[in-house]
């Protein structure tokens, strides 16, 4: 069964609501996570009323705590050390934009040694309890080359989203 969840996106100063979808069956390549798409366009709402309509249509509970991704804040990725919360926001954004791209058949072009190294650093920098040894912390330092690669991936994802709204 396809489960649907609201995801808020701040883009160009405006809040949009997307419908993120996932299957009950974990790790099934035939049923990838993604956003709802109809006739090649990303299903979205720009108002609370529109969000209510999406909730009724896709069967999600409007009272759930929704993920909010601020794409406007992702325009300038800093060089240097990043805190856990910054790493989490960047990974959430990257993952959402990857789901957006795959949902519309676009290529986020987020593969290659520099980009993959950057993703690995960000993921480790989230310091998830299940992956980080007790008493240890990892603070990733993002190089200029990695920042440029990450910025290109995020901008490409934002362009894909804007083109398919």
C-alpha atoms as a PDB file:
ATOM      1  CA  UNK A   1       0.000   0.000   0.000  1.00  0.00           C
ATOM      2  CA  UNK A   2       1.236   3.489  -0.846  1.00  0.00           C
ATOM      3  CA  UNK A   3       1.492   5.733   2.215  1.00  0.00           C
ATOM      4  CA  UNK A   4       1.309   9.490   1.692  1.00  0.00           C
ATOM      5  CA  UNK A   5       2.684  12.295   3.857  1.00  0.00           C
ATOM      6  CA  UNK A   6       2.620  16.081   3.532  1.00  0.00           C
ATOM      7  CA  UNK A   7       5.973  17.790   3.032  1.00  0.00           C
ATOM      8  CA  UNK A   8       6.212  21.551   3.269  1.00  0.00           C
ATOM      9  CA  UNK A   9       8.677  23.277   0.972  1.00  0.00           C
ATOM     10  CA  UNK A  10       9.694  26.920   1.189  1.00  0.00           C
ATOM     11  CA  UNK A  11      10.637  28.073  -2.281  1.00  0.00           C
ATOM     12  CA  UNK A  12      11.209  31.673  -3.358  1.00  0.00           C
ATOM     13  CA  UNK A  13       9.583  32.845  -0.124  1.00  0.00           C
ATOM     14  CA  UNK A  14       6.410  30.814  -0.646  1.00  0.00           C
ATOM     15  CA  UNK A  15       5.265  27.690   1.238  1.00  0.00           C
ATOM     16  CA  UNK A  16       4.229  24.803  -0.995  1.00  0.00           C
ATOM     17  CA  UNK A  17       2.932  21.415   0.072  1.00  0.00           C
ATOM     18  CA  UNK A  18       4.008  18.264  -1.744  1.00  0.00           C
ATOM     19  CA  UNK A  19       2.778  14.713  -1.218  1.00  0.00           C
ATOM     20  CA  UNK A  20       5.680  12.387  -0.410  1.00  0.00           C
ATOM     21  CA  UNK A  21       4.884   8.721  -0.904  1.00  0.00           C
ATOM     22  CA  UNK A  22       6.418   5.490   0.309  1.00  0.00           C
ATOM     23  CA  UNK A  23       5.441   1.827   0.230  1.00  0.00           C
ATOM     24  CA  UNK A  24       4.768  -0.417   3.219  1.00  0.00           C
ATOM     25  CA  UNK A  25       7.335  -2.789   1.758  1.00  0.00           C
ATOM     26  CA  UNK A  26      10.804  -1.515   2.635  1.00  0.00           C
ATOM     27  CA  UNK A  27      13.653  -1.602   0.136  1.00  0.00           C
ATOM     28  CA  UNK A  28      11.552  -2.696  -2.846  1.00  0.00           C
ATOM     29  CA  UNK A  29      13.284  -1.216  -5.896  1.00  0.00           C
ATOM     30  CA  UNK A  30      10.079  -1.574  -7.905  1.00  0.00           C
ATOM     31  CA  UNK A  31       8.294   0.714  -5.436  1.00  0.00           C
ATOM     32  CA  UNK A  32      10.613   3.688  -4.927  1.00  0.00           C
ATOM     33  CA  UNK A  33       9.861   6.590  -2.613  1.00  0.00           C
ATOM     34  CA  UNK A  34       8.849   9.749  -4.371  1.00  0.00           C
ATOM     35  CA  UNK A  35       6.400  12.604  -4.641  1.00  0.00           C
ATOM     36  CA  UNK A  36       2.952  12.364  -6.181  1.00  0.00           C
ATOM     37  CA  UNK A  37       2.967  13.222  -9.882  1.00  0.00           C
ATOM     38  CA  UNK A  38       0.024  13.511 -12.261  1.00  0.00           C
ATOM     39  CA  UNK A  39       0.385  14.062 -15.994  1.00  0.00           C
ATOM     40  CA  UNK A  40       4.073  14.859 -15.562  1.00  0.00           C
ATOM     41  CA  UNK A  41       3.447  17.590 -12.964  1.00  0.00           C
ATOM     42  CA  UNK A  42       4.229  17.443  -9.257  1.00  0.00           C
ATOM     43  CA  UNK A  43       1.037  17.416  -7.201  1.00  0.00           C
ATOM     44  CA  UNK A  44       1.174  20.343  -4.785  1.00  0.00           C
ATOM     45  CA  UNK A  45      -0.851  22.882  -2.858  1.00  0.00           C
ATOM     46  CA  UNK A  46      -0.123  26.544  -2.201  1.00  0.00           C
ATOM     47  CA  UNK A  47      -2.775  27.166   0.472  1.00  0.00           C
ATOM     48  CA  UNK A  48      -4.069  25.528   3.642  1.00  0.00           C
ATOM     49  CA  UNK A  49      -7.302  24.773   1.788  1.00  0.00           C
ATOM     50  CA  UNK A  50      -5.334  23.087  -0.955  1.00  0.00           C
ATOM     51  CA  UNK A  51      -3.442  21.078   1.644  1.00  0.00           C
ATOM     52  CA  UNK A  52      -6.759  19.958   3.154  1.00  0.00           C
ATOM     53  CA  UNK A  53      -7.875  18.796  -0.298  1.00  0.00           C
ATOM     54  CA  UNK A  54      -4.625  16.846  -0.738  1.00  0.00           C
ATOM     55  CA  UNK A  55      -5.079  15.255   2.695  1.00  0.00           C
ATOM     56  CA  UNK A  56      -8.573  14.065   1.760  1.00  0.00           C
ATOM     57  CA  UNK A  57      -7.471  12.884  -1.672  1.00  0.00           C
ATOM     58  CA  UNK A  58      -4.301  11.049  -0.623  1.00  0.00           C
ATOM     59  CA  UNK A  59      -5.498   9.921   2.807  1.00  0.00           C
ATOM     60  CA  UNK A  60      -2.929  11.468   5.096  1.00  0.00           C
ATOM     61  CA  UNK A  61      -3.624  12.881   8.523  1.00  0.00           C
ATOM     62  CA  UNK A  62      -3.295  16.641   8.541  1.00  0.00           C
ATOM     63  CA  UNK A  63      -2.409  16.523  12.235  1.00  0.00           C
ATOM     64  CA  UNK A  64       0.849  14.686  11.592  1.00  0.00           C
ATOM     65  CA  UNK A  65       4.055  16.588  12.192  1.00  0.00           C
ATOM     66  CA  UNK A  66       5.183  17.465   8.693  1.00  0.00           C
ATOM     67  CA  UNK A  67       8.692  17.724   7.376  1.00  0.00           C
ATOM     68  CA  UNK A  68       9.413  21.292   6.306  1.00  0.00           C
ATOM     69  CA  UNK A  69      12.273  21.811   3.856  1.00  0.00           C
ATOM     70  CA  UNK A  70      13.463  25.386   3.392  1.00  0.00           C
ATOM     71  CA  UNK A  71      14.957  25.396  -0.087  1.00  0.00           C
ATOM     72  CA  UNK A  72      15.636  29.119   0.138  1.00  0.00           C
ATOM     73  CA  UNK A  73      18.063  28.456   3.005  1.00  0.00           C
ATOM     74  CA  UNK A  74      19.938  25.909   0.895  1.00  0.00           C
ATOM     75  CA  UNK A  75      21.086  28.354  -1.769  1.00  0.00           C
ATOM     76  CA  UNK A  76      24.433  29.017  -0.067  1.00  0.00           C
ATOM     77  CA  UNK A  77      26.191  25.997   1.404  1.00  0.00           C
ATOM     78  CA  UNK A  78      28.982  27.070   3.763  1.00  0.00           C
ATOM     79  CA  UNK A  79      32.581  25.916   3.571  1.00  0.00           C
ATOM     80  CA  UNK A  80      34.068  24.573   6.774  1.00  0.00           C
ATOM     81  CA  UNK A  81      32.725  22.605   9.721  1.00  0.00           C
ATOM     82  CA  UNK A  82      28.991  21.876   9.882  1.00  0.00           C
ATOM     83  CA  UNK A  83      26.864  21.152  12.944  1.00  0.00           C
ATOM     84  CA  UNK A  84      24.541  18.137  13.239  1.00  0.00           C
ATOM     85  CA  UNK A  85      21.407  20.164  12.479  1.00  0.00           C
ATOM     86  CA  UNK A  86      22.920  21.667   9.324  1.00  0.00           C
ATOM     87  CA  UNK A  87      23.948  18.197   8.140  1.00  0.00           C
ATOM     88  CA  UNK A  88      20.434  16.874   8.825  1.00  0.00           C
ATOM     89  CA  UNK A  89      18.785  19.718   6.896  1.00  0.00           C
ATOM     90  CA  UNK A  90      21.134  19.251   3.932  1.00  0.00           C
ATOM     91  CA  UNK A  91      20.594  15.473   3.818  1.00  0.00           C
ATOM     92  CA  UNK A  92      16.798  15.877   4.113  1.00  0.00           C
ATOM     93  CA  UNK A  93      16.846  18.434   1.302  1.00  0.00           C
ATOM     94  CA  UNK A  94      19.111  16.337  -0.910  1.00  0.00           C
ATOM     95  CA  UNK A  95      16.971  13.222  -0.360  1.00  0.00           C
ATOM     96  CA  UNK A  96      13.733  15.088  -1.093  1.00  0.00           C
ATOM     97  CA  UNK A  97      15.153  16.633  -4.268  1.00  0.00           C
ATOM     98  CA  UNK A  98      16.397  13.189  -5.314  1.00  0.00           C
ATOM     99  CA  UNK A  99      12.873  11.817  -4.831  1.00  0.00           C
ATOM    100  CA  UNK A 100      11.432  14.754  -6.792  1.00  0.00           C
ATOM    101  CA  UNK A 101      13.859  14.171  -9.663  1.00  0.00           C
ATOM    102  CA  UNK A 102      13.248  10.419  -9.847  1.00  0.00           C
ATOM    103  CA  UNK A 103       9.477  10.926  -9.617  1.00  0.00           C
ATOM    104  CA  UNK A 104       9.466  13.020 -12.793  1.00  0.00           C
ATOM    105  CA  UNK A 105      12.106  10.971 -14.608  1.00  0.00           C
ATOM    106  CA  UNK A 106      14.826  13.597 -14.262  1.00  0.00           C
ATOM    107  CA  UNK A 107      18.473  13.123 -13.325  1.00  0.00           C
ATOM    108  CA  UNK A 108      19.690  14.946 -10.244  1.00  0.00           C
ATOM    109  CA  UNK A 109      23.255  14.159 -11.379  1.00  0.00           C
ATOM    110  CA  UNK A 110      24.288  13.499  -7.799  1.00  0.00           C
ATOM    111  CA  UNK A 111      26.823  10.769  -8.467  1.00  0.00           C
ATOM    112  CA  UNK A 112      30.574  10.986  -8.703  1.00  0.00           C
ATOM    113  CA  UNK A 113      33.480  10.918  -6.283  1.00  0.00           C
ATOM    114  CA  UNK A 114      33.251  14.501  -4.970  1.00  0.00           C
ATOM    115  CA  UNK A 115      29.481  14.513  -4.580  1.00  0.00           C
ATOM    116  CA  UNK A 116      29.387  11.069  -2.986  1.00  0.00           C
ATOM    117  CA  UNK A 117      32.168  12.027  -0.558  1.00  0.00           C
ATOM    118  CA  UNK A 118      30.174  15.121   0.372  1.00  0.00           C
ATOM    119  CA  UNK A 119      26.972  13.104   0.962  1.00  0.00           C
ATOM    120  CA  UNK A 120      28.885  10.597   3.104  1.00  0.00           C
ATOM    121  CA  UNK A 121      30.337  13.427   5.210  1.00  0.00           C
ATOM    122  CA  UNK A 122      26.919  15.024   5.681  1.00  0.00           C
ATOM    123  CA  UNK A 123      25.303  11.720   6.583  1.00  0.00           C
ATOM    124  CA  UNK A 124      28.032  10.939   9.127  1.00  0.00           C
ATOM    125  CA  UNK A 125      27.724  14.514  10.432  1.00  0.00           C
ATOM    126  CA  UNK A 126      24.123  13.851  11.441  1.00  0.00           C
ATOM    127  CA  UNK A 127      25.649  11.757  14.253  1.00  0.00           C
ATOM    128  CA  UNK A 128      22.766   9.300  14.324  1.00  0.00           C
ATOM    129  CA  UNK A 129      22.787   7.378  17.570  1.00  0.00           C
ATOM    130  CA  UNK A 130      22.500   4.056  15.740  1.00  0.00           C
ATOM    131  CA  UNK A 131      25.645   4.765  13.679  1.00  0.00           C
ATOM    132  CA  UNK A 132      27.860   6.931  15.874  1.00  0.00           C
ATOM    133  CA  UNK A 133      29.806   5.174  18.620  1.00  0.00           C
ATOM    134  CA  UNK A 134      28.921   6.289  22.151  1.00  0.00           C
ATOM    135  CA  UNK A 135      30.914   9.322  23.223  1.00  0.00           C
ATOM    136  CA  UNK A 136      32.063  10.141  19.699  1.00  0.00           C
ATOM    137  CA  UNK A 137      31.017  12.957  17.361  1.00  0.00           C
ATOM    138  CA  UNK A 138      31.846  13.671  13.776  1.00  0.00           C
ATOM    139  CA  UNK A 139      31.946  17.250  12.546  1.00  0.00           C
ATOM    140  CA  UNK A 140      32.385  17.290   8.795  1.00  0.00           C
ATOM    141  CA  UNK A 141      34.488  19.967   7.170  1.00  0.00           C
ATOM    142  CA  UNK A 142      33.197  20.817   3.715  1.00  0.00           C
ATOM    143  CA  UNK A 143      35.850  21.910   1.212  1.00  0.00           C
ATOM    144  CA  UNK A 144      35.266  24.521  -1.457  1.00  0.00           C
ATOM    145  CA  UNK A 145      35.173  21.793  -4.117  1.00  0.00           C
ATOM    146  CA  UNK A 146      32.573  19.841  -2.139  1.00  0.00           C
ATOM    147  CA  UNK A 147      30.507  22.967  -1.515  1.00  0.00           C
ATOM    148  CA  UNK A 148      30.476  23.756  -5.222  1.00  0.00           C
ATOM    149  CA  UNK A 149      29.411  20.185  -6.081  1.00  0.00           C
ATOM    150  CA  UNK A 150      26.697  20.153  -3.404  1.00  0.00           C
ATOM    151  CA  UNK A 151      25.420  23.578  -4.432  1.00  0.00           C
ATOM    152  CA  UNK A 152      25.174  22.378  -8.047  1.00  0.00           C
ATOM    153  CA  UNK A 153      23.167  19.299  -6.984  1.00  0.00           C
ATOM    154  CA  UNK A 154      20.770  21.360  -4.855  1.00  0.00           C
ATOM    155  CA  UNK A 155      20.291  24.010  -7.547  1.00  0.00           C
ATOM    156  CA  UNK A 156      19.644  21.313 -10.144  1.00  0.00           C
ATOM    157  CA  UNK A 157      17.050  19.733  -7.840  1.00  0.00           C
ATOM    158  CA  UNK A 158      15.347  23.070  -7.234  1.00  0.00           C
ATOM    159  CA  UNK A 159      15.269  23.742 -10.990  1.00  0.00           C
ATOM    160  CA  UNK A 160      13.681  20.324 -11.594  1.00  0.00           C
ATOM    161  CA  UNK A 161      11.061  21.027  -8.917  1.00  0.00           C
ATOM    162  CA  UNK A 162      10.249  24.482 -10.301  1.00  0.00           C
ATOM    163  CA  UNK A 163       9.978  23.176 -13.856  1.00  0.00           C
ATOM    164  CA  UNK A 164       7.493  20.470 -12.876  1.00  0.00           C
ATOM    165  CA  UNK A 165       5.150  22.367 -10.532  1.00  0.00           C
END
